[in-house]
């Protein structure tokens, strides 16, 4: 073999081998990482994971590796936290250390590191503080927001009456109503359901990729670098998306649950009639007098578990958790479903049961395990608004209507459609009959 040929063969063999070893070192990391399945260089555990139902696969991995384990999406290291104790210890007990946003390529492509949800460090702190302050100024948690929701429920009720008892898909009805609440906050007014601009906004939510090209502008500017136009536009988009999608999808699932279990709907009707009656609109003050309805709303959120693995976090510095060392920048998946489905707190968690949130006397029972909005420093900014919307919208619908399924309740499938990061109810139709 000629020297030149020998050199070429040597390079062909050695360079890939060197790249393989470098990639393996990157995947292997350093320190005492939590255990996990063997990861391959470059591709990590991608071929081993059930990406169509990752939350279910995470449950299986936890049974093998325990409450804290490591997996790899390509070369991205992910530490999964499974179970109430480890999630609480990390997100609440070590809140600062676990307050980063996870580095996931799909999120980085969408957000480009701007806005509240996917930013980090000082930018995230300032934007979150800015959003919370202004949401409070706009009335979040106060009477003014409650009145905005009540106003929107009246439009929703009228629209539902116009179905005249015929079958319909509730998706757009609920999406429009919930979206109008956040529109009234961030844009200053609600929209008519047929308004072309409003229809466009809704389509933008449903086609998330188009949001990045949305030509919205921000009214408030600031000389600080974190408050540039792009970050404020992104924050507004995030508030609009979060204030529309998650709550309306949860409501849609809640109606499906009630179609499946008409006896639960009847108990809610009885409580509404006893506490509120038909002469006035429901208000948040009613909730303390309606433990069963409150328990139903909580159980819908627990059972549905919109984001089973939460939104990815990241550790902001090297951190010791249990006997392990998690390097700075590691992506964290806090399994919210593992908390919401803990059988010690919620017996038979796979069954829908409002009794999970009621004591032996029928009074509402709070639970530290109730984490549908996550926990710690990155808990959902709009938690207070979402809670108000879920209670007021669902209660108002049931005050005015009886839900009627188009098929036998025993054939209704309430199993959510699972994707990589979130759940959604299957498509369905229902009828609403005026009470």
Protein backbone atom coordinates (compact mmCIF):
# COMPACT_ATOMS: atom_id res chain seq x y z
CA UNK A 1 0.00 0.00 0.00
CA UNK A 2 1.36 3.40 -0.95
CA UNK A 3 2.14 5.84 1.92
CA UNK A 4 -0.55 8.26 0.72
CA UNK A 5 -3.16 5.50 0.64
CA UNK A 6 -2.11 4.29 4.09
CA UNK A 7 -2.49 7.81 5.45
CA UNK A 8 -5.95 8.15 3.91
CA UNK A 9 -7.07 4.83 5.43
CA UNK A 10 -5.67 5.89 8.81
CA UNK A 11 -7.61 9.17 8.70
CA UNK A 12 -10.82 7.46 7.60
CA UNK A 13 -10.61 5.12 10.59
CA UNK A 14 -9.24 7.47 13.25
CA UNK A 15 -11.20 10.67 12.66
CA UNK A 16 -14.65 9.06 13.08
CA UNK A 17 -13.33 7.18 16.11
CA UNK A 18 -12.06 10.43 17.63
CA UNK A 19 -15.38 12.17 16.97
CA UNK A 20 -17.17 9.18 18.51
CA UNK A 21 -15.07 9.43 21.69
CA UNK A 22 -15.54 13.20 21.95
CA UNK A 23 -19.29 12.84 21.58
CA UNK A 24 -19.32 10.05 24.14
CA UNK A 25 -17.47 12.20 26.65
CA UNK A 26 -20.00 14.98 26.13
CA UNK A 27 -22.91 12.59 26.64
CA UNK A 28 -21.33 10.90 29.63
CA UNK A 29 -20.85 14.22 31.39
CA UNK A 30 -18.89 14.56 34.61
CA UNK A 31 -19.54 13.96 38.27
CA UNK A 32 -22.06 11.57 39.79
CA UNK A 33 -25.04 11.96 37.51
CA UNK A 34 -28.29 10.16 38.31
CA UNK A 35 -28.52 6.70 36.67
CA UNK A 36 -30.36 6.02 33.45
CA UNK A 37 -30.42 3.91 30.30
CA UNK A 38 -27.16 3.61 28.37
CA UNK A 39 -26.93 6.49 25.90
CA UNK A 40 -25.25 6.33 22.52
CA UNK A 41 -22.94 9.08 21.28
CA UNK A 42 -24.59 11.77 19.17
CA UNK A 43 -28.09 10.22 19.22
CA UNK A 44 -28.27 9.68 23.00
CA UNK A 45 -31.40 7.72 23.97
CA UNK A 46 -33.52 9.04 21.11
CA UNK A 47 -34.07 5.64 19.49
CA UNK A 48 -34.85 4.00 22.83
CA UNK A 49 -37.51 6.47 24.01
CA UNK A 50 -41.19 6.27 23.15
CA UNK A 51 -41.55 9.83 21.86
CA UNK A 52 -45.25 9.39 21.06
CA UNK A 53 -46.02 8.88 24.74
CA UNK A 54 -42.95 10.06 26.60
CA UNK A 55 -44.77 10.60 29.95
CA UNK A 56 -45.73 6.91 29.99
CA UNK A 57 -42.19 5.85 29.14
CA UNK A 58 -40.85 8.13 31.88
CA UNK A 59 -43.08 6.27 34.34
CA UNK A 60 -41.57 2.97 33.23
CA UNK A 61 -38.02 4.32 33.52
CA UNK A 62 -38.74 5.59 37.03
CA UNK A 63 -39.81 2.10 38.09
CA UNK A 64 -36.35 0.90 37.03
CA UNK A 65 -34.06 3.80 37.96
CA UNK A 66 -35.89 5.52 40.82
CA UNK A 67 -37.19 9.07 41.40
CA UNK A 68 -34.28 10.82 39.68
CA UNK A 69 -32.66 9.58 36.48
CA UNK A 70 -30.87 10.78 33.36
CA UNK A 71 -31.80 10.48 29.69
CA UNK A 72 -30.37 12.10 26.56
CA UNK A 73 -32.12 13.74 23.62
CA UNK A 74 -29.24 13.58 21.21
CA UNK A 75 -26.40 15.16 23.14
CA UNK A 76 -28.74 17.17 25.41
CA UNK A 77 -28.62 15.82 28.95
CA UNK A 78 -32.00 15.68 30.70
CA UNK A 79 -32.53 14.81 34.36
CA UNK A 80 -36.06 13.65 35.14
CA UNK A 81 -37.61 14.23 38.56
CA UNK A 82 -40.35 11.72 39.37
CA UNK A 83 -42.54 11.91 42.46
CA UNK A 84 -43.74 14.53 44.93
CA UNK A 85 -40.75 14.45 47.30
CA UNK A 86 -38.04 14.96 44.68
CA UNK A 87 -40.07 17.54 42.70
CA UNK A 88 -40.78 19.53 45.86
CA UNK A 89 -37.16 19.33 47.04
CA UNK A 90 -35.89 20.59 43.69
CA UNK A 91 -38.45 23.17 42.53
CA UNK A 92 -39.33 24.59 45.94
CA UNK A 93 -36.46 23.71 48.28
CA UNK A 94 -33.83 24.60 45.66
CA UNK A 95 -35.95 27.12 43.80
CA UNK A 96 -33.13 29.42 42.64
CA UNK A 97 -30.98 26.55 41.41
CA UNK A 98 -33.86 25.04 39.41
CA UNK A 99 -35.21 28.33 38.02
CA UNK A 100 -33.56 28.14 34.60
CA UNK A 101 -35.40 27.28 31.39
CA UNK A 102 -34.39 24.04 29.73
CA UNK A 103 -32.45 24.12 26.49
CA UNK A 104 -34.67 22.34 23.97
CA UNK A 105 -34.09 23.05 20.24
CA UNK A 106 -37.78 23.24 19.37
CA UNK A 107 -38.38 25.91 22.02
CA UNK A 108 -35.25 27.86 21.09
CA UNK A 109 -36.37 27.96 17.46
CA UNK A 110 -39.76 29.35 18.44
CA UNK A 111 -38.74 31.86 21.11
CA UNK A 112 -35.15 32.73 20.21
CA UNK A 113 -34.54 33.12 23.96
CA UNK A 114 -36.93 36.06 24.33
CA UNK A 115 -40.12 36.51 26.32
CA UNK A 116 -41.07 35.29 29.76
CA UNK A 117 -41.42 31.56 29.23
CA UNK A 118 -38.12 30.68 27.54
CA UNK A 119 -35.73 33.40 28.66
CA UNK A 120 -33.18 33.02 31.45
CA UNK A 121 -31.20 34.99 33.98
CA UNK A 122 -31.75 38.69 34.50
CA UNK A 123 -33.87 39.02 31.36
CA UNK A 124 -36.35 36.44 32.68
CA UNK A 125 -36.46 38.03 36.15
CA UNK A 126 -37.17 41.50 34.79
CA UNK A 127 -39.74 40.38 32.22
CA UNK A 128 -41.57 38.18 34.72
CA UNK A 129 -41.64 40.99 37.30
CA UNK A 130 -42.86 43.39 34.61
CA UNK A 131 -45.63 40.99 33.50
CA UNK A 132 -46.83 40.22 37.03
CA UNK A 133 -46.88 43.89 38.00
CA UNK A 134 -48.86 44.91 34.94
CA UNK A 135 -51.27 41.98 35.15
CA UNK A 136 -52.01 43.02 38.72
CA UNK A 137 -52.47 46.61 37.58
CA UNK A 138 -54.89 45.35 34.94
CA UNK A 139 -56.82 43.61 37.70
CA UNK A 140 -55.59 39.99 37.90
CA UNK A 141 -56.86 38.57 41.16
CA UNK A 142 -59.18 41.54 41.65
CA UNK A 143 -62.83 42.33 41.03
CA UNK A 144 -62.15 44.00 37.70
CA UNK A 145 -60.83 40.77 36.12
CA UNK A 146 -63.74 38.84 37.57
CA UNK A 147 -66.12 41.28 35.92
CA UNK A 148 -64.34 40.85 32.58
CA UNK A 149 -64.79 37.08 32.83
CA UNK A 150 -68.44 37.45 33.84
CA UNK A 151 -69.04 39.73 30.86
CA UNK A 152 -67.54 37.18 28.51
CA UNK A 153 -69.59 34.35 29.99
CA UNK A 154 -72.77 36.21 29.03
CA UNK A 155 -71.65 36.32 25.40
CA UNK A 156 -70.71 32.64 25.56
CA UNK A 157 -74.11 31.68 27.02
CA UNK A 158 -75.90 33.54 24.24
CA UNK A 159 -73.79 31.80 21.63
CA UNK A 160 -74.51 28.41 23.19
CA UNK A 161 -78.26 29.15 23.18
CA UNK A 162 -78.04 29.79 19.47
CA UNK A 163 -77.02 26.17 18.88
CA UNK A 164 -80.70 25.34 19.57
CA UNK A 165 -79.87 21.95 21.03
CA UNK A 166 -78.03 20.76 17.92
CA UNK A 167 -74.67 18.92 18.11
CA UNK A 168 -71.56 21.10 17.86
CA UNK A 169 -67.83 20.95 18.51
CA UNK A 170 -67.11 23.16 21.56
CA UNK A 171 -63.50 23.94 20.61
CA UNK A 172 -63.99 27.36 19.00
CA UNK A 173 -66.69 28.42 21.45
CA UNK A 174 -64.40 27.89 24.42
CA UNK A 175 -61.29 29.17 22.66
CA UNK A 176 -63.01 32.42 21.68
CA UNK A 177 -64.42 33.02 25.16
CA UNK A 178 -61.17 32.35 27.01
CA UNK A 179 -59.15 34.27 24.45
CA UNK A 180 -61.39 37.32 24.79
CA UNK A 181 -60.60 37.52 28.51
CA UNK A 182 -56.86 37.81 27.91
CA UNK A 183 -57.53 40.12 24.95
CA UNK A 184 -59.46 42.47 27.22
CA UNK A 185 -56.43 42.55 29.52
CA UNK A 186 -53.52 42.93 27.12
CA UNK A 187 -55.31 44.73 24.26
CA UNK A 188 -57.82 46.70 26.33
CA UNK A 189 -61.03 45.29 24.83
CA UNK A 190 -62.81 42.11 23.79
CA UNK A 191 -63.63 41.18 20.21
CA UNK A 192 -66.85 40.16 18.55
CA UNK A 193 -66.65 36.44 17.79
CA UNK A 194 -66.99 37.12 14.06
CA UNK A 195 -64.45 39.96 14.00
CA UNK A 196 -61.93 39.22 11.27
CA UNK A 197 -58.97 40.39 13.38
CA UNK A 198 -60.08 38.17 16.23
CA UNK A 199 -60.52 35.16 13.94
CA UNK A 200 -57.01 35.77 12.67
CA UNK A 201 -55.61 35.90 16.20
CA UNK A 202 -57.24 32.59 17.03
CA UNK A 203 -55.86 30.99 13.89
CA UNK A 204 -52.43 32.24 14.89
CA UNK A 205 -52.75 30.47 18.21
CA UNK A 206 -53.79 27.29 16.46
CA UNK A 207 -50.91 27.57 14.02
CA UNK A 208 -48.11 28.35 16.41
CA UNK A 209 -45.40 28.64 13.77
CA UNK A 210 -47.02 31.78 12.33
CA UNK A 211 -46.75 33.63 15.63
CA UNK A 212 -43.11 34.51 15.01
CA UNK A 213 -44.13 36.53 11.95
CA UNK A 214 -46.94 38.35 13.74
CA UNK A 215 -46.51 42.14 13.22
CA UNK A 216 -47.65 43.11 16.71
CA UNK A 217 -46.09 46.11 18.46
CA UNK A 218 -45.68 46.88 22.16
CA UNK A 219 -47.03 50.00 23.77
CA UNK A 220 -44.50 50.10 26.63
CA UNK A 221 -40.78 50.71 26.07
CA UNK A 222 -37.95 51.10 28.57
CA UNK A 223 -34.35 52.18 28.39
CA UNK A 224 -33.25 48.92 30.06
CA UNK A 225 -31.87 46.42 27.61
CA UNK A 226 -34.28 43.64 28.64
CA UNK A 227 -37.27 45.73 27.55
CA UNK A 228 -36.61 45.84 23.85
CA UNK A 229 -39.42 45.60 21.34
CA UNK A 230 -38.73 41.98 20.41
CA UNK A 231 -38.80 40.69 24.00
CA UNK A 232 -42.01 42.59 24.78
CA UNK A 233 -43.68 41.33 21.60
CA UNK A 234 -42.67 37.80 22.53
CA UNK A 235 -43.98 38.26 26.09
CA UNK A 236 -47.31 39.53 24.73
CA UNK A 237 -47.57 36.57 22.37
CA UNK A 238 -46.82 34.18 25.22
CA UNK A 239 -49.47 35.75 27.44
CA UNK A 240 -51.97 35.50 24.59
CA UNK A 241 -51.12 31.85 23.86
CA UNK A 242 -51.02 30.80 27.51
CA UNK A 243 -54.16 32.79 28.24
CA UNK A 244 -56.01 31.06 25.42
CA UNK A 245 -54.86 27.53 24.76
CA UNK A 246 -54.33 25.82 28.10
CA UNK A 247 -57.50 27.04 29.80
CA UNK A 248 -59.81 26.46 26.83
CA UNK A 249 -58.39 22.97 26.27
CA UNK A 250 -58.86 22.15 29.97
CA UNK A 251 -62.46 23.38 29.79
CA UNK A 252 -63.07 21.30 26.69
CA UNK A 253 -61.79 18.25 28.51
CA UNK A 254 -63.91 19.14 31.54
CA UNK A 255 -67.08 19.13 29.46
CA UNK A 256 -66.11 15.74 28.02
CA UNK A 257 -65.67 14.37 31.54
CA UNK A 258 -69.14 15.62 32.53
CA UNK A 259 -70.65 14.02 29.41
CA UNK A 260 -69.09 10.75 30.54
CA UNK A 261 -70.35 11.09 34.11
CA UNK A 262 -73.81 12.73 34.08
CA UNK A 263 -74.24 11.93 37.79
CA UNK A 264 -71.36 14.30 38.55
CA UNK A 265 -72.92 17.00 36.40
CA UNK A 266 -76.20 16.56 38.28
CA UNK A 267 -74.48 17.10 41.64
CA UNK A 268 -72.92 20.31 40.32
CA UNK A 269 -76.36 21.43 39.11
CA UNK A 270 -77.79 20.83 42.57
CA UNK A 271 -75.04 22.86 44.23
CA UNK A 272 -75.41 25.71 41.72
CA UNK A 273 -79.16 25.83 42.27
CA UNK A 274 -78.74 25.84 46.04
CA UNK A 275 -75.98 28.46 46.27
CA UNK A 276 -76.45 30.71 43.22
CA UNK A 277 -79.84 30.00 41.72
CA UNK A 278 -80.83 31.37 38.31
CA UNK A 279 -81.24 35.08 39.02
CA UNK A 280 -77.58 36.15 39.01
CA UNK A 281 -74.21 35.24 37.52
CA UNK A 282 -71.72 33.08 39.45
CA UNK A 283 -68.92 34.96 41.21
CA UNK A 284 -65.68 33.93 42.90
CA UNK A 285 -67.20 34.49 46.35
CA UNK A 286 -69.47 31.52 45.60
CA UNK A 287 -66.56 29.10 45.37
CA UNK A 288 -66.10 28.79 49.14
CA UNK A 289 -69.78 27.77 49.40
CA UNK A 290 -69.51 25.24 46.55
CA UNK A 291 -67.00 22.59 47.68
CA UNK A 292 -68.23 19.92 45.27
CA UNK A 293 -68.00 22.16 42.20
CA UNK A 294 -64.57 23.36 43.35
CA UNK A 295 -63.48 19.74 43.76
CA UNK A 296 -64.73 18.90 40.25
CA UNK A 297 -62.69 21.75 38.74
CA UNK A 298 -59.57 20.62 40.63
CA UNK A 299 -60.11 16.99 39.66
CA UNK A 300 -60.46 17.94 35.98
CA UNK A 301 -57.04 19.61 36.14
CA UNK A 302 -55.48 16.75 38.10
CA UNK A 303 -56.91 14.00 35.91
CA UNK A 304 -56.20 15.77 32.61
CA UNK A 305 -52.64 16.88 33.49
CA UNK A 306 -52.19 19.26 30.55
CA UNK A 307 -48.36 19.18 30.72
CA UNK A 308 -47.38 15.78 32.20
CA UNK A 309 -43.65 16.54 32.22
CA UNK A 310 -44.01 20.26 32.90
CA UNK A 311 -42.16 22.82 30.82
CA UNK A 312 -38.43 21.95 30.86
CA UNK A 313 -36.32 23.64 33.53
CA UNK A 314 -32.55 23.95 33.79
CA UNK A 315 -30.20 24.23 36.74
CA UNK A 316 -28.54 27.63 37.00
CA UNK A 317 -25.42 26.29 38.72
CA UNK A 318 -23.87 22.95 39.68
CA UNK A 319 -26.24 21.51 42.26
CA UNK A 320 -26.24 18.55 44.60
CA UNK A 321 -29.55 16.68 44.75
CA UNK A 322 -29.66 13.57 46.90
CA UNK A 323 -26.35 11.81 46.30
CA UNK A 324 -25.92 13.19 42.79
CA UNK A 325 -24.24 16.19 41.20
CA UNK A 326 -26.18 17.84 38.39
CA UNK A 327 -23.97 20.10 36.25
CA UNK A 328 -24.95 23.69 35.49
CA UNK A 329 -27.16 24.03 32.42
CA UNK A 330 -28.59 20.50 32.62
CA UNK A 331 -32.19 20.36 31.38
CA UNK A 332 -34.72 19.21 33.99
CA UNK A 333 -38.06 17.50 33.38
CA UNK A 334 -40.17 17.74 36.56
CA UNK A 335 -42.84 15.07 36.07
CA UNK A 336 -46.00 16.85 37.18
CA UNK A 337 -48.10 13.79 36.39
CA UNK A 338 -46.12 11.74 38.90
CA UNK A 339 -47.25 14.23 41.57
CA UNK A 340 -50.84 14.60 40.38
CA UNK A 341 -51.23 10.82 40.11
CA UNK A 342 -49.57 9.92 43.42
CA UNK A 343 -51.73 7.12 44.84
CA UNK A 344 -50.83 8.01 48.43
CA UNK A 345 -52.54 11.39 48.07
CA UNK A 346 -55.09 10.44 45.41
CA UNK A 347 -56.25 6.81 45.84
CA UNK A 348 -56.96 5.12 42.50
CA UNK A 349 -55.55 8.10 40.58
CA UNK A 350 -56.50 6.61 37.21
CA UNK A 351 -60.16 7.11 38.13
CA UNK A 352 -61.88 10.49 37.88
CA UNK A 353 -63.17 11.21 41.38
CA UNK A 354 -63.99 14.67 42.83
CA UNK A 355 -63.69 12.99 46.24
CA UNK A 356 -59.92 13.34 45.88
CA UNK A 357 -60.46 16.97 46.95
CA UNK A 358 -63.18 16.46 49.58
CA UNK A 359 -62.83 15.45 53.23
CA UNK A 360 -65.10 13.07 55.11
CA UNK A 361 -67.54 15.92 55.79
CA UNK A 362 -67.79 16.98 52.15
CA UNK A 363 -65.71 20.11 52.68
CA UNK A 364 -63.09 21.08 50.09
CA UNK A 365 -59.67 19.67 50.89
CA UNK A 366 -56.54 21.42 49.67
CA UNK A 367 -53.55 19.35 48.59
CA UNK A 368 -49.86 20.20 48.33
CA UNK A 369 -49.72 17.64 45.53
CA UNK A 370 -51.92 19.81 43.30
CA UNK A 371 -49.33 21.19 40.86
CA UNK A 372 -50.97 21.58 37.43
CA UNK A 373 -49.33 25.03 37.14
CA UNK A 374 -45.93 23.64 38.22
CA UNK A 375 -44.21 24.98 41.36
CA UNK A 376 -41.38 27.17 42.56
CA UNK A 377 -39.85 30.14 40.78
CA UNK A 378 -41.19 29.17 37.34
CA UNK A 379 -44.81 28.57 38.37
CA UNK A 380 -47.27 29.75 35.70
CA UNK A 381 -47.62 33.55 35.64
CA UNK A 382 -51.32 33.31 34.83
CA UNK A 383 -52.28 30.78 37.51
CA UNK A 384 -54.67 33.15 39.28
CA UNK A 385 -56.41 34.12 36.05
CA UNK A 386 -56.75 30.50 34.90
CA UNK A 387 -58.29 29.43 38.21
CA UNK A 388 -60.90 32.18 37.98
CA UNK A 389 -61.73 31.37 34.37
CA UNK A 390 -62.10 27.65 34.96
CA UNK A 391 -64.46 28.10 37.88
CA UNK A 392 -66.57 30.93 36.45
CA UNK A 393 -66.89 29.60 32.90
CA UNK A 394 -67.69 26.02 33.87
CA UNK A 395 -70.14 27.11 36.58
CA UNK A 396 -71.92 29.54 34.25
CA UNK A 397 -72.28 26.92 31.51
CA UNK A 398 -73.78 24.44 33.96
CA UNK A 399 -76.00 27.09 35.54
CA UNK A 400 -77.65 27.66 32.17
CA UNK A 401 -77.43 24.31 30.40
CA UNK A 402 -77.62 20.57 30.75
CA UNK A 403 -75.00 18.77 28.67
CA UNK A 404 -76.24 16.06 26.34
CA UNK A 405 -73.86 13.57 24.69
CA UNK A 406 -74.41 12.44 21.11
CA UNK A 407 -73.43 8.85 22.01
CA UNK A 408 -74.00 6.63 25.01
CA UNK A 409 -71.84 7.91 27.92
CA UNK A 410 -70.33 4.47 28.42
CA UNK A 411 -68.80 4.72 24.93
CA UNK A 412 -67.22 8.15 25.51
CA UNK A 413 -63.43 7.89 25.49
CA UNK A 414 -61.85 10.31 27.98
CA UNK A 415 -58.30 9.11 27.39
CA UNK A 416 -56.30 12.22 26.40
CA UNK A 417 -54.28 12.36 23.21
CA UNK A 418 -50.66 12.42 24.34
CA UNK A 419 -47.86 14.16 22.50
CA UNK A 420 -44.26 14.87 23.36
CA UNK A 421 -45.04 17.56 25.93
CA UNK A 422 -48.81 17.98 26.40
CA UNK A 423 -52.19 16.29 26.49
CA UNK A 424 -55.37 17.18 24.60
CA UNK A 425 -58.90 15.76 24.57
CA UNK A 426 -60.04 13.83 21.54
CA UNK A 427 -62.43 15.66 19.21
CA UNK A 428 -66.09 15.32 20.08
CA UNK A 429 -69.50 16.96 19.75
CA UNK A 430 -72.21 17.63 22.31
CA UNK A 431 -75.59 19.32 22.65
CA UNK A 432 -76.53 21.88 25.31
CA UNK A 433 -80.12 22.06 26.50
CA UNK A 434 -81.33 25.19 28.33
CA UNK A 435 -82.27 24.53 31.97
